[in-house]
Amino acid sequence: MNIKLLAIGKTDSKPLQTLMDEYMKRLSFYIKFDLEVIPDIKNAKNMSEAQQKQKEGELILSKIGPTDQLILLDDKGKEFTSMGFADELQKKMNSGIKTLVFVIGGPYGFSDDVYKNAKGKISLSRMTFSHQMIRLFIIEQIYRGFTILKNEPYHHE
């Protein structure tokens, strides 16, 4: 299985990018992982919230293959413990999915079309975090999940 993370807009913070790079490097020992950044929409300030979500949704869906399984990072999604998330990763691998795609949407969330194409939603917290920080958090949790599955001493229960 491959894992891809789609995110809207680039990461402006060099320290966050450095940490993301470190966890992506660690993750490469377990699985093929790609981070794909969809550029911010031009003239977004001249668009309504609905128009911006629609345009972002079109860009997101253009990056999804026909056999990819789409999971949205959404504040209304299912919450997991790290152990539970590791179990979920194992189930996805066992099911024969070729590519699991996690998506971080834009500032207003996802369009209805993106929700219709999603196979699930997960929430990393009930708190609100910047979209840039969420990238680091999900990459670290995927890495943590694989260390749990391999019974390595990174995670302490």
C-alpha atoms as a PDB file:
ATOM      1  CA  MET A   1       0.000   0.000   0.000  1.00  0.00           C
ATOM      2  CA  ASN A   2       1.084   3.573  -0.693  1.00  0.00           C
ATOM      3  CA  ILE A   3       0.017   6.561   1.366  1.00  0.00           C
ATOM      4  CA  LYS A   4      -0.424  10.034  -0.064  1.00  0.00           C
ATOM      5  CA  LEU A   5      -1.186  13.231   1.807  1.00  0.00           C
ATOM      6  CA  LEU A   6      -2.860  15.990  -0.207  1.00  0.00           C
ATOM      7  CA  ALA A   7      -2.837  19.487   1.239  1.00  0.00           C
ATOM      8  CA  ILE A   8      -3.978  22.882   0.002  1.00  0.00           C
ATOM      9  CA  GLY A   9      -1.285  25.583   0.062  1.00  0.00           C
ATOM     10  CA  LYS A  10       2.413  25.468   0.823  1.00  0.00           C
ATOM     11  CA  THR A  11       3.988  25.348   4.273  1.00  0.00           C
ATOM     12  CA  ASP A  12       5.438  28.765   5.076  1.00  0.00           C
ATOM     13  CA  SER A  13       7.167  27.741   8.306  1.00  0.00           C
ATOM     14  CA  LYS A  14      10.693  26.402   7.813  1.00  0.00           C
ATOM     15  CA  PRO A  15      10.801  24.704  11.260  1.00  0.00           C
ATOM     16  CA  LEU A  16       7.516  22.880  10.518  1.00  0.00           C
ATOM     17  CA  GLN A  17       8.813  21.863   7.091  1.00  0.00           C
ATOM     18  CA  THR A  18      12.019  20.544   8.666  1.00  0.00           C
ATOM     19  CA  LEU A  19      10.026  18.401  11.101  1.00  0.00           C
ATOM     20  CA  MET A  20       7.746  17.143   8.313  1.00  0.00           C
ATOM     21  CA  ASP A  21      10.802  16.200   6.257  1.00  0.00           C
ATOM     22  CA  GLU A  22      12.254  14.301   9.233  1.00  0.00           C
ATOM     23  CA  TYR A  23       9.092  12.237   9.770  1.00  0.00           C
ATOM     24  CA  MET A  24       8.669  11.601   6.030  1.00  0.00           C
ATOM     25  CA  LYS A  25      12.249  10.304   5.957  1.00  0.00           C
ATOM     26  CA  ARG A  26      11.543   8.005   8.922  1.00  0.00           C
ATOM     27  CA  LEU A  27       8.291   6.865   7.331  1.00  0.00           C
ATOM     28  CA  SER A  28      10.082   5.884   4.118  1.00  0.00           C
ATOM     29  CA  PHE A  29      11.533   2.852   5.939  1.00  0.00           C
ATOM     30  CA  TYR A  30       8.004   1.424   6.281  1.00  0.00           C
ATOM     31  CA  ILE A  31       5.948   2.524   3.306  1.00  0.00           C
ATOM     32  CA  LYS A  32       5.926   4.644   0.159  1.00  0.00           C
ATOM     33  CA  PHE A  33       4.652   8.035   1.290  1.00  0.00           C
ATOM     34  CA  ASP A  34       4.081  11.171  -0.786  1.00  0.00           C
ATOM     35  CA  LEU A  35       3.066  14.657   0.205  1.00  0.00           C
ATOM     36  CA  GLU A  36       1.427  16.542  -2.640  1.00  0.00           C
ATOM     37  CA  VAL A  37       0.696  20.224  -2.163  1.00  0.00           C
ATOM     38  CA  ILE A  38      -2.077  21.786  -4.216  1.00  0.00           C
ATOM     39  CA  PRO A  39      -1.259  25.476  -4.722  1.00  0.00           C
ATOM     40  CA  ASP A  40      -3.491  28.055  -3.084  1.00  0.00           C
ATOM     41  CA  ILE A  41      -6.284  29.220  -5.351  1.00  0.00           C
ATOM     42  CA  LYS A  42      -5.521  32.451  -7.145  1.00  0.00           C
ATOM     43  CA  ASN A  43      -7.890  35.344  -6.395  1.00  0.00           C
ATOM     44  CA  ALA A  44      -9.503  33.403  -3.535  1.00  0.00           C
ATOM     45  CA  LYS A  45     -10.266  36.684  -1.776  1.00  0.00           C
ATOM     46  CA  ASN A  46     -12.615  37.522  -4.657  1.00  0.00           C
ATOM     47  CA  MET A  47     -14.518  34.224  -4.257  1.00  0.00           C
ATOM     48  CA  SER A  48     -17.282  33.260  -1.893  1.00  0.00           C
ATOM     49  CA  GLU A  49     -16.653  30.491   0.625  1.00  0.00           C
ATOM     50  CA  ALA A  50     -18.732  28.108  -1.512  1.00  0.00           C
ATOM     51  CA  GLN A  51     -16.847  29.013  -4.696  1.00  0.00           C
ATOM     52  CA  GLN A  52     -13.496  28.494  -2.974  1.00  0.00           C
ATOM     53  CA  LYS A  53     -14.558  25.083  -1.607  1.00  0.00           C
ATOM     54  CA  GLN A  54     -15.841  24.084  -5.050  1.00  0.00           C
ATOM     55  CA  LYS A  55     -12.608  25.076  -6.806  1.00  0.00           C
ATOM     56  CA  GLU A  56     -10.440  23.365  -4.171  1.00  0.00           C
ATOM     57  CA  GLY A  57     -12.678  20.303  -4.422  1.00  0.00           C
ATOM     58  CA  GLU A  58     -12.137  20.078  -8.175  1.00  0.00           C
ATOM     59  CA  LEU A  59      -8.375  20.273  -7.666  1.00  0.00           C
ATOM     60  CA  ILE A  60      -8.456  17.615  -4.918  1.00  0.00           C
ATOM     61  CA  LEU A  61     -10.576  15.219  -6.973  1.00  0.00           C
ATOM     62  CA  SER A  62      -8.287  15.669  -9.997  1.00  0.00           C
ATOM     63  CA  LYS A  63      -5.472  14.158  -7.872  1.00  0.00           C
ATOM     64  CA  ILE A  64      -7.445  11.038  -6.879  1.00  0.00           C
ATOM     65  CA  GLY A  65      -7.072   7.865  -8.909  1.00  0.00           C
ATOM     66  CA  PRO A  66     -10.009   5.511  -9.558  1.00  0.00           C
ATOM     67  CA  THR A  67      -8.763   2.903  -7.066  1.00  0.00           C
ATOM     68  CA  ASP A  68      -7.483   5.357  -4.419  1.00  0.00           C
ATOM     69  CA  GLN A  69      -9.259   5.390  -1.076  1.00  0.00           C
ATOM     70  CA  LEU A  70      -9.934   8.946   0.077  1.00  0.00           C
ATOM     71  CA  ILE A  71      -9.910   9.781   3.800  1.00  0.00           C
ATOM     72  CA  LEU A  72     -10.656  13.359   4.844  1.00  0.00           C
ATOM     73  CA  LEU A  73      -9.068  15.051   7.825  1.00  0.00           C
ATOM     74  CA  ASP A  74     -12.209  16.686   9.137  1.00  0.00           C
ATOM     75  CA  ASP A  75     -13.138  18.053  12.560  1.00  0.00           C
ATOM     76  CA  LYS A  76     -16.357  16.009  12.424  1.00  0.00           C
ATOM     77  CA  GLY A  77     -14.523  12.766  11.658  1.00  0.00           C
ATOM     78  CA  LYS A  78     -13.901   9.723  13.807  1.00  0.00           C
ATOM     79  CA  GLU A  79     -11.340  10.151  16.562  1.00  0.00           C
ATOM     80  CA  PHE A  80      -8.744   7.464  17.259  1.00  0.00           C
ATOM     81  CA  THR A  81      -6.136   6.759  19.862  1.00  0.00           C
ATOM     82  CA  SER A  82      -2.696   6.173  18.358  1.00  0.00           C
ATOM     83  CA  MET A  83      -3.159   2.424  18.909  1.00  0.00           C
ATOM     84  CA  GLY A  84      -6.577   2.544  17.243  1.00  0.00           C
ATOM     85  CA  PHE A  85      -5.167   4.491  14.300  1.00  0.00           C
ATOM     86  CA  ALA A  86      -2.408   1.876  13.900  1.00  0.00           C
ATOM     87  CA  ASP A  87      -5.098  -0.831  13.820  1.00  0.00           C
ATOM     88  CA  GLU A  88      -6.979   1.157  11.177  1.00  0.00           C
ATOM     89  CA  LEU A  89      -3.815   1.397   9.054  1.00  0.00           C
ATOM     90  CA  GLN A  90      -3.372  -2.374   9.369  1.00  0.00           C
ATOM     91  CA  LYS A  91      -6.977  -2.981   8.273  1.00  0.00           C
ATOM     92  CA  LYS A  92      -6.459  -0.745   5.232  1.00  0.00           C
ATOM     93  CA  MET A  93      -3.287  -2.643   4.296  1.00  0.00           C
ATOM     94  CA  ASN A  94      -5.023  -5.998   4.768  1.00  0.00           C
ATOM     95  CA  SER A  95      -7.922  -4.916   2.540  1.00  0.00           C
ATOM     96  CA  GLY A  96      -5.662  -4.636  -0.506  1.00  0.00           C
ATOM     97  CA  ILE A  97      -5.953  -0.885  -1.057  1.00  0.00           C
ATOM     98  CA  LYS A  98      -3.198   0.283  -3.395  1.00  0.00           C
ATOM     99  CA  THR A  99      -3.182   3.945  -2.359  1.00  0.00           C
ATOM    100  CA  LEU A 100      -4.653   5.494   0.766  1.00  0.00           C
ATOM    101  CA  VAL A 101      -5.058   9.258   0.345  1.00  0.00           C
ATOM    102  CA  PHE A 102      -5.446  11.545   3.348  1.00  0.00           C
ATOM    103  CA  VAL A 103      -6.629  15.062   2.486  1.00  0.00           C
ATOM    104  CA  ILE A 104      -6.278  18.324   4.375  1.00  0.00           C
ATOM    105  CA  GLY A 105      -8.721  20.787   2.866  1.00  0.00           C
ATOM    106  CA  GLY A 106      -8.650  24.537   2.631  1.00  0.00           C
ATOM    107  CA  PRO A 107      -9.759  27.017   5.299  1.00  0.00           C
ATOM    108  CA  TYR A 108     -13.480  26.362   4.733  1.00  0.00           C
ATOM    109  CA  GLY A 109     -13.358  22.573   4.554  1.00  0.00           C
ATOM    110  CA  PHE A 110     -14.473  20.400   1.666  1.00  0.00           C
ATOM    111  CA  SER A 111     -16.991  20.667  -1.146  1.00  0.00           C
ATOM    112  CA  ASP A 112     -19.981  18.334  -1.286  1.00  0.00           C
ATOM    113  CA  ASP A 113     -18.329  16.460  -4.187  1.00  0.00           C
ATOM    114  CA  VAL A 114     -15.251  15.715  -2.099  1.00  0.00           C
ATOM    115  CA  TYR A 115     -17.428  14.466   0.782  1.00  0.00           C
ATOM    116  CA  LYS A 116     -19.323  12.191  -1.665  1.00  0.00           C
ATOM    117  CA  ASN A 117     -16.065  10.638  -2.906  1.00  0.00           C
ATOM    118  CA  ALA A 118     -14.582  10.099   0.555  1.00  0.00           C
ATOM    119  CA  LYS A 119     -14.496   6.653   2.153  1.00  0.00           C
ATOM    120  CA  GLY A 120     -14.090   8.086   5.626  1.00  0.00           C
ATOM    121  CA  LYS A 121     -13.317  11.068   7.817  1.00  0.00           C
ATOM    122  CA  ILE A 122     -10.941  11.244  10.742  1.00  0.00           C
ATOM    123  CA  SER A 123     -10.362  13.989  13.275  1.00  0.00           C
ATOM    124  CA  LEU A 124      -7.016  14.459  14.976  1.00  0.00           C
ATOM    125  CA  SER A 125      -8.578  16.540  17.747  1.00  0.00           C
ATOM    126  CA  ARG A 126     -11.648  18.507  18.681  1.00  0.00           C
ATOM    127  CA  MET A 127      -9.351  21.524  18.841  1.00  0.00           C
ATOM    128  CA  THR A 128      -8.642  23.631  15.782  1.00  0.00           C
ATOM    129  CA  PHE A 129      -5.071  23.686  14.476  1.00  0.00           C
ATOM    130  CA  SER A 130      -3.515  25.485  11.534  1.00  0.00           C
ATOM    131  CA  HIS A 131      -3.559  23.512   8.294  1.00  0.00           C
ATOM    132  CA  GLN A 132       0.229  23.633   8.309  1.00  0.00           C
ATOM    133  CA  MET A 133       0.479  22.033  11.749  1.00  0.00           C
ATOM    134  CA  ILE A 134      -2.026  19.325  10.833  1.00  0.00           C
ATOM    135  CA  ARG A 135       0.379  18.165   8.117  1.00  0.00           C
ATOM    136  CA  LEU A 136       3.060  17.515  10.710  1.00  0.00           C
ATOM    137  CA  PHE A 137       0.599  15.856  13.091  1.00  0.00           C
ATOM    138  CA  ILE A 138      -0.817  13.388  10.539  1.00  0.00           C
ATOM    139  CA  ILE A 139       2.625  12.488   9.165  1.00  0.00           C
ATOM    140  CA  GLU A 140       3.881  11.859  12.707  1.00  0.00           C
ATOM    141  CA  GLN A 141       0.800   9.775  13.536  1.00  0.00           C
ATOM    142  CA  ILE A 142       1.238   7.647  10.411  1.00  0.00           C
ATOM    143  CA  TYR A 143       4.877   7.109  11.404  1.00  0.00           C
ATOM    144  CA  ARG A 144       3.818   6.320  14.981  1.00  0.00           C
ATOM    145  CA  GLY A 145       1.230   3.874  13.641  1.00  0.00           C
ATOM    146  CA  PHE A 146       3.878   1.928  11.752  1.00  0.00           C
ATOM    147  CA  THR A 147       6.195   1.817  14.760  1.00  0.00           C
ATOM    148  CA  ILE A 148       3.284   0.412  16.778  1.00  0.00           C
ATOM    149  CA  LEU A 149       2.550  -2.201  14.103  1.00  0.00           C
ATOM    150  CA  LYS A 150       6.250  -3.194  14.035  1.00  0.00           C
ATOM    151  CA  ASN A 151       6.348  -3.289  17.857  1.00  0.00           C
ATOM    152  CA  GLU A 152       9.163  -0.749  17.945  1.00  0.00           C
ATOM    153  CA  PRO A 153       9.920   1.351  21.036  1.00  0.00           C
ATOM    154  CA  TYR A 154       8.742   4.757  19.744  1.00  0.00           C
ATOM    155  CA  HIS A 155       5.229   4.675  21.239  1.00  0.00           C
ATOM    156  CA  HIS A 156       4.654   4.097  24.953  1.00  0.00           C
ATOM    157  CA  GLU A 157       1.268   2.873  26.117  1.00  0.00           C
END
